[in-house]
């Protein structure tokens, strides 16, 4: 595998109309999870990627597994739990700048992850391990599983990519700050959002946040700045990549996962750090223009068209 990732994917219910969830009557059901979003993004770009997870022995779990397998992602390491259900969440679309998420994932199958669910041979054959801060927040056993995955990755020379992906609804701020900084210190590459960096280190300036991640052990830091773009820093270089304009933001959820998929793809293709970040910015922007977490993820042809159009527009100005 080029990349392996582990984490929970849930069934996402989105109302047909905007407004408070109490008034919603009709919903569409889709599948979404930060780690599987990244896996699908990479698969659509032609990379070999595997997703490790646990699902319930229910219709939601079976549909979810079929969907992710159908996207070309290897699911051979997914475990079916006969006792606990597949997790769910509901989106509440008040307006494009206010999208709320309500989780129903306590005691879900994925929250029962244990280190024993991991296959060392699977890690030994990967180039990158992608992790997020969501998985350790699900339960103590999930936290231990993330630590075990890091141990296996380091044992076999697999580079670790960590997206803090802060979810305050899942744990206390004190514990979140402690655990996320701890995992970031063990990662090779960290992909925080600007607000996550501010939360973790209490600093406001982008460069100060990047320097803080570098000081605790990361080799590369890319700070996502939303529509503005992204700032990247490594030991010998740093820079800012402007974002790609989007005429209308339809659904911002999943943009960060699209960014991660694009950036990792750039690394796998041997692009320079700045070009990899540019690819991440492009896919992040594309995701926001479509309803759903993965529906806007491009293949290579669509990605090239999108980037070239922006570059052509810049020249014409």
Protein backbone atom coordinates (compact mmCIF):
# COMPACT_ATOMS: atom_id res chain seq x y z
CA UNK A 1 0.00 0.00 0.00
CA UNK A 2 1.07 3.58 -0.66
CA UNK A 3 -0.97 4.70 2.34
CA UNK A 4 -2.87 2.98 5.12
CA UNK A 5 -5.24 4.76 7.47
CA UNK A 6 -7.42 3.72 10.37
CA UNK A 7 -10.53 5.20 11.89
CA UNK A 8 -14.30 5.18 12.07
CA UNK A 9 -16.62 5.78 9.14
CA UNK A 10 -20.29 6.44 9.82
CA UNK A 11 -23.54 6.80 7.98
CA UNK A 12 -24.15 10.53 7.44
CA UNK A 13 -27.73 11.75 7.24
CA UNK A 14 -28.17 15.12 5.52
CA UNK A 15 -31.54 16.93 5.54
CA UNK A 16 -33.10 17.91 2.24
CA UNK A 17 -33.72 21.45 3.53
CA UNK A 18 -31.68 24.00 5.46
CA UNK A 19 -32.64 25.07 8.95
CA UNK A 20 -32.88 23.57 12.41
CA UNK A 21 -32.78 19.80 12.47
CA UNK A 22 -36.06 19.60 14.38
CA UNK A 23 -37.91 20.69 11.23
CA UNK A 24 -36.19 18.24 8.86
CA UNK A 25 -38.38 15.47 7.51
CA UNK A 26 -36.42 14.04 4.57
CA UNK A 27 -32.79 12.93 4.64
CA UNK A 28 -30.24 11.49 2.25
CA UNK A 29 -27.89 8.85 3.63
CA UNK A 30 -24.22 8.81 2.68
CA UNK A 31 -21.02 7.43 4.17
CA UNK A 32 -18.35 9.62 5.70
CA UNK A 33 -15.33 9.47 7.98
CA UNK A 34 -12.17 11.54 7.94
CA UNK A 35 -9.86 8.60 7.33
CA UNK A 36 -11.94 6.89 4.65
CA UNK A 37 -12.45 10.29 2.98
CA UNK A 38 -8.67 10.58 2.64
CA UNK A 39 -8.44 6.97 1.45
CA UNK A 40 -11.04 7.58 -1.26
CA UNK A 41 -9.34 10.82 -2.31
CA UNK A 42 -6.08 8.94 -2.81
CA UNK A 43 -7.73 6.01 -4.56
CA UNK A 44 -9.40 8.30 -7.10
CA UNK A 45 -5.98 9.70 -7.91
CA UNK A 46 -4.66 6.23 -8.66
CA UNK A 47 -2.86 5.37 -5.43
CA UNK A 48 -3.00 2.07 -3.54
CA UNK A 49 -4.58 2.72 -0.17
CA UNK A 50 -5.98 0.59 2.64
CA UNK A 51 -8.50 1.47 5.35
CA UNK A 52 -8.51 -0.28 8.74
CA UNK A 53 -11.72 -0.11 10.78
CA UNK A 54 -14.52 -1.91 12.59
CA UNK A 55 -18.16 -1.91 11.53
CA UNK A 56 -21.36 -3.31 12.98
CA UNK A 57 -22.88 -6.52 11.69
CA UNK A 58 -25.82 -4.52 10.35
CA UNK A 59 -27.14 -3.16 7.07
CA UNK A 60 -25.43 0.20 7.57
CA UNK A 61 -22.08 -1.52 8.05
CA UNK A 62 -22.55 -3.75 5.02
CA UNK A 63 -23.53 -0.82 2.83
CA UNK A 64 -20.62 1.25 4.10
CA UNK A 65 -18.11 -1.52 3.43
CA UNK A 66 -19.46 -2.09 -0.06
CA UNK A 67 -19.25 1.62 -0.85
CA UNK A 68 -15.65 2.05 0.27
CA UNK A 69 -14.58 -1.16 -1.48
CA UNK A 70 -16.29 0.13 -4.61
CA UNK A 71 -14.09 3.23 -4.48
CA UNK A 72 -11.02 1.04 -4.92
CA UNK A 73 -9.90 1.12 -1.29
CA UNK A 74 -8.57 -2.10 0.23
CA UNK A 75 -10.85 -3.17 3.11
CA UNK A 76 -9.23 -6.50 3.93
CA UNK A 77 -8.38 -5.27 7.44
CA UNK A 78 -11.91 -4.18 8.38
CA UNK A 79 -13.39 -6.20 11.27
CA UNK A 80 -17.13 -6.87 11.65
CA UNK A 81 -18.38 -6.56 15.23
CA UNK A 82 -21.43 -8.76 15.96
CA UNK A 83 -22.36 -6.89 19.14
CA UNK A 84 -21.99 -3.14 18.50
CA UNK A 85 -23.61 -1.02 15.78
CA UNK A 86 -22.19 1.09 12.98
CA UNK A 87 -22.01 4.75 14.03
CA UNK A 88 -24.29 7.48 12.66
CA UNK A 89 -24.29 11.26 12.46
CA UNK A 90 -26.62 13.98 11.27
CA UNK A 91 -25.73 17.24 9.57
CA UNK A 92 -27.63 20.42 10.41
CA UNK A 93 -27.33 22.94 7.57
CA UNK A 94 -28.28 26.35 8.91
CA UNK A 95 -26.35 28.11 6.12
CA UNK A 96 -23.00 27.53 4.32
CA UNK A 97 -21.01 29.13 7.14
CA UNK A 98 -22.86 27.27 9.89
CA UNK A 99 -22.93 23.51 9.37
CA UNK A 100 -23.38 21.53 12.58
CA UNK A 101 -22.77 17.85 13.14
CA UNK A 102 -24.57 15.66 15.69
CA UNK A 103 -22.92 12.31 16.49
CA UNK A 104 -24.55 9.03 17.48
CA UNK A 105 -21.37 7.00 17.81
CA UNK A 106 -21.05 6.13 21.51
CA UNK A 107 -20.54 2.36 21.91
CA UNK A 108 -20.22 2.02 18.15
CA UNK A 109 -18.28 -0.90 16.68
CA UNK A 110 -15.30 1.30 15.81
CA UNK A 111 -15.08 2.58 19.39
CA UNK A 112 -14.13 -0.97 20.43
CA UNK A 113 -10.88 -0.93 18.41
CA UNK A 114 -8.03 -2.69 20.23
CA UNK A 115 -4.33 -3.08 19.41
CA UNK A 116 -5.03 -6.76 18.71
CA UNK A 117 -7.13 -5.70 15.69
CA UNK A 118 -3.95 -4.56 13.90
CA UNK A 119 -1.98 -6.75 11.50
CA UNK A 120 1.74 -5.97 11.64
CA UNK A 121 2.40 -7.38 8.16
CA UNK A 122 -0.05 -4.87 6.71
CA UNK A 123 1.93 -1.98 8.19
CA UNK A 124 5.26 -3.37 7.04
CA UNK A 125 4.28 -2.96 3.38
CA UNK A 126 3.10 0.67 3.53
CA UNK A 127 4.85 3.93 2.66
CA UNK A 128 2.70 6.22 4.83
CA UNK A 129 0.38 5.82 7.82
CA UNK A 130 -2.34 8.46 8.00
CA UNK A 131 -3.92 9.15 11.39
CA UNK A 132 -6.35 11.72 12.77
CA UNK A 133 -7.10 12.98 16.26
CA UNK A 134 -10.63 11.62 16.03
CA UNK A 135 -9.74 7.96 16.60
CA UNK A 136 -7.99 8.35 20.00
CA UNK A 137 -10.97 10.39 21.21
CA UNK A 138 -13.43 7.53 20.73
CA UNK A 139 -12.30 5.37 23.68
CA UNK A 140 -9.29 4.34 25.74
CA UNK A 141 -8.87 1.21 23.63
CA UNK A 142 -8.88 3.36 20.47
CA UNK A 143 -6.20 5.56 22.02
CA UNK A 144 -4.10 2.47 22.71
CA UNK A 145 -4.70 1.24 19.16
CA UNK A 146 -3.42 4.50 17.70
CA UNK A 147 -0.28 4.18 19.84
CA UNK A 148 0.21 0.62 18.63
CA UNK A 149 -0.18 1.72 15.00
CA UNK A 150 2.51 4.36 15.53
CA UNK A 151 4.78 1.76 17.10
CA UNK A 152 4.32 -0.59 14.14
CA UNK A 153 4.88 2.22 11.64
CA UNK A 154 8.11 3.31 13.27
CA UNK A 155 9.31 -0.29 13.50
CA UNK A 156 8.98 -0.69 9.73
CA UNK A 157 10.11 2.77 8.63
CA UNK A 158 6.64 3.96 7.64
CA UNK A 159 6.23 7.76 7.63
CA UNK A 160 3.42 9.01 9.90
CA UNK A 161 1.05 11.76 8.78
CA UNK A 162 -1.17 13.24 11.50
CA UNK A 163 -4.20 15.50 11.10
CA UNK A 164 -5.33 16.69 14.57
CA UNK A 165 -8.93 16.97 13.30
CA UNK A 166 -10.09 18.33 16.65
CA UNK A 167 -13.59 17.24 17.73
CA UNK A 168 -14.42 18.99 21.00
CA UNK A 169 -17.69 17.09 21.32
CA UNK A 170 -15.79 13.83 21.83
CA UNK A 171 -13.62 14.71 24.85
CA UNK A 172 -12.55 17.44 27.26
CA UNK A 173 -10.38 20.26 25.97
CA UNK A 174 -7.65 19.43 28.48
CA UNK A 175 -7.39 15.81 27.40
CA UNK A 176 -7.68 16.69 23.72
CA UNK A 177 -4.82 19.17 23.97
CA UNK A 178 -2.60 16.69 25.81
CA UNK A 179 -3.22 13.73 23.50
CA UNK A 180 -3.09 15.65 20.22
CA UNK A 181 0.23 17.29 21.10
CA UNK A 182 1.54 13.89 22.20
CA UNK A 183 0.64 12.23 18.88
CA UNK A 184 1.88 15.21 16.86
CA UNK A 185 5.27 14.85 18.57
CA UNK A 186 5.53 11.30 17.20
CA UNK A 187 4.48 12.18 13.64
CA UNK A 188 6.70 13.01 10.69
CA UNK A 189 4.14 15.30 9.03
CA UNK A 190 1.38 17.28 10.75
CA UNK A 191 -1.60 18.85 8.97
CA UNK A 192 -3.44 21.12 11.44
CA UNK A 193 -6.05 23.74 10.73
CA UNK A 194 -5.16 27.22 11.95
CA UNK A 195 -7.75 27.09 14.76
CA UNK A 196 -6.41 23.69 15.87
CA UNK A 197 -2.89 25.07 16.05
CA UNK A 198 -4.12 28.00 18.12
CA UNK A 199 -5.97 25.61 20.43
CA UNK A 200 -2.97 23.32 20.94
CA UNK A 201 -0.26 25.93 21.52
CA UNK A 202 -2.07 29.12 22.48
CA UNK A 203 -0.36 31.03 19.68
CA UNK A 204 -2.05 33.15 17.03
CA UNK A 205 0.60 33.65 14.35
CA UNK A 206 0.83 30.98 11.67
CA UNK A 207 4.62 30.84 11.72
CA UNK A 208 4.70 30.53 15.51
CA UNK A 209 2.28 27.60 15.34
CA UNK A 210 4.34 25.88 12.64
CA UNK A 211 7.54 26.40 14.63
CA UNK A 212 5.85 24.87 17.68
CA UNK A 213 5.06 21.67 15.78
CA UNK A 214 8.60 21.52 14.36
CA UNK A 215 10.11 21.94 17.83
CA UNK A 216 8.23 18.95 19.26
CA UNK A 217 9.38 16.62 16.50
CA UNK A 218 7.55 17.05 13.18
CA UNK A 219 9.65 17.30 10.01
CA UNK A 220 6.97 19.00 7.93
CA UNK A 221 3.99 21.11 9.03
CA UNK A 222 1.21 22.31 6.76
CA UNK A 223 -1.31 24.67 8.33
CA UNK A 224 -4.66 24.82 6.56
CA UNK A 225 -6.04 28.35 6.34
CA UNK A 226 -9.41 27.61 4.76
CA UNK A 227 -10.23 29.61 1.66
CA UNK A 228 -7.03 31.66 2.12
CA UNK A 229 -4.84 28.65 1.31
CA UNK A 230 -2.12 27.00 3.40
CA UNK A 231 1.24 27.75 5.02
CA UNK A 232 3.94 25.08 5.03
CA UNK A 233 7.20 24.81 6.94
CA UNK A 234 10.09 22.37 7.13
CA UNK A 235 13.63 22.66 8.46
CA UNK A 236 14.99 24.37 5.34
CA UNK A 237 11.96 25.91 3.63
CA UNK A 238 8.61 27.52 4.25
CA UNK A 239 6.01 29.33 2.22
CA UNK A 240 2.40 30.23 1.60
CA UNK A 241 0.16 28.80 -1.12
CA UNK A 242 -3.00 30.81 -1.92
CA UNK A 243 -6.34 29.05 -1.98
CA UNK A 244 -8.43 28.36 -5.04
CA UNK A 245 -11.53 30.56 -5.34
CA UNK A 246 -14.91 28.81 -5.30
CA UNK A 247 -17.94 30.62 -6.72
CA UNK A 248 -20.31 29.08 -4.18
CA UNK A 249 -19.53 27.03 -1.10
CA UNK A 250 -22.17 24.31 -0.88
CA UNK A 251 -20.82 22.10 1.92
CA UNK A 252 -17.48 22.78 3.68
CA UNK A 253 -17.45 19.49 5.61
CA UNK A 254 -14.75 17.20 4.26
CA UNK A 255 -12.59 19.93 2.72
CA UNK A 256 -9.75 19.25 5.15
CA UNK A 257 -9.79 15.57 4.25
CA UNK A 258 -9.69 16.46 0.57
CA UNK A 259 -6.71 18.70 1.29
CA UNK A 260 -4.92 15.86 3.10
CA UNK A 261 -5.59 13.44 0.23
CA UNK A 262 -4.29 15.90 -2.34
CA UNK A 263 -1.19 16.76 -0.33
CA UNK A 264 -0.29 13.12 0.35
CA UNK A 265 -0.84 12.33 -3.32
CA UNK A 266 1.63 15.05 -4.20
CA UNK A 267 4.24 13.52 -1.90
CA UNK A 268 3.68 10.10 -3.45
CA UNK A 269 4.12 11.59 -6.93
CA UNK A 270 7.41 13.19 -5.91
CA UNK A 271 6.20 16.79 -6.18
CA UNK A 272 7.97 19.57 -4.36
CA UNK A 273 6.52 20.50 -0.98
CA UNK A 274 4.93 23.66 -2.38
CA UNK A 275 3.35 21.81 -5.32
CA UNK A 276 2.00 19.11 -3.00
CA UNK A 277 0.41 21.80 -0.85
CA UNK A 278 -1.03 23.42 -3.97
CA UNK A 279 -2.65 20.12 -4.95
CA UNK A 280 -4.11 19.86 -1.47
CA UNK A 281 -5.56 23.37 -1.70
CA UNK A 282 -7.12 22.55 -5.07
CA UNK A 283 -8.90 19.41 -3.88
CA UNK A 284 -10.01 21.07 -0.66
CA UNK A 285 -11.68 23.79 -2.72
CA UNK A 286 -13.31 21.28 -5.08
CA UNK A 287 -14.88 19.39 -2.16
CA UNK A 288 -16.66 22.50 -0.86
CA UNK A 289 -18.61 23.00 -4.07
CA UNK A 290 -20.53 19.70 -3.80
CA UNK A 291 -22.85 18.21 -1.17
CA UNK A 292 -21.21 15.34 0.73
CA UNK A 293 -17.75 14.54 2.02
CA UNK A 294 -16.45 12.55 -0.96
CA UNK A 295 -18.74 13.46 -3.87
CA UNK A 296 -16.47 16.35 -4.89
CA UNK A 297 -13.20 14.41 -4.79
CA UNK A 298 -11.64 14.43 -8.29
CA UNK A 299 -9.78 11.96 -10.44
CA UNK A 300 -6.58 13.18 -12.09
CA UNK A 301 -8.29 14.56 -15.19
CA UNK A 302 -10.72 16.70 -13.21
CA UNK A 303 -7.96 17.85 -10.86
CA UNK A 304 -5.73 18.97 -13.73
CA UNK A 305 -8.62 20.82 -15.38
CA UNK A 306 -9.38 22.63 -12.12
CA UNK A 307 -5.77 23.65 -11.45
CA UNK A 308 -5.08 24.64 -15.04
CA UNK A 309 -8.19 26.81 -15.16
CA UNK A 310 -7.03 28.72 -12.08
CA UNK A 311 -3.53 29.13 -13.51
CA UNK A 312 -4.96 30.30 -16.86
CA UNK A 313 -7.20 32.80 -15.09
CA UNK A 314 -4.19 34.13 -13.19
CA UNK A 315 -2.31 34.64 -16.46
CA UNK A 316 -5.27 36.37 -18.09
CA UNK A 317 -5.46 38.87 -15.26
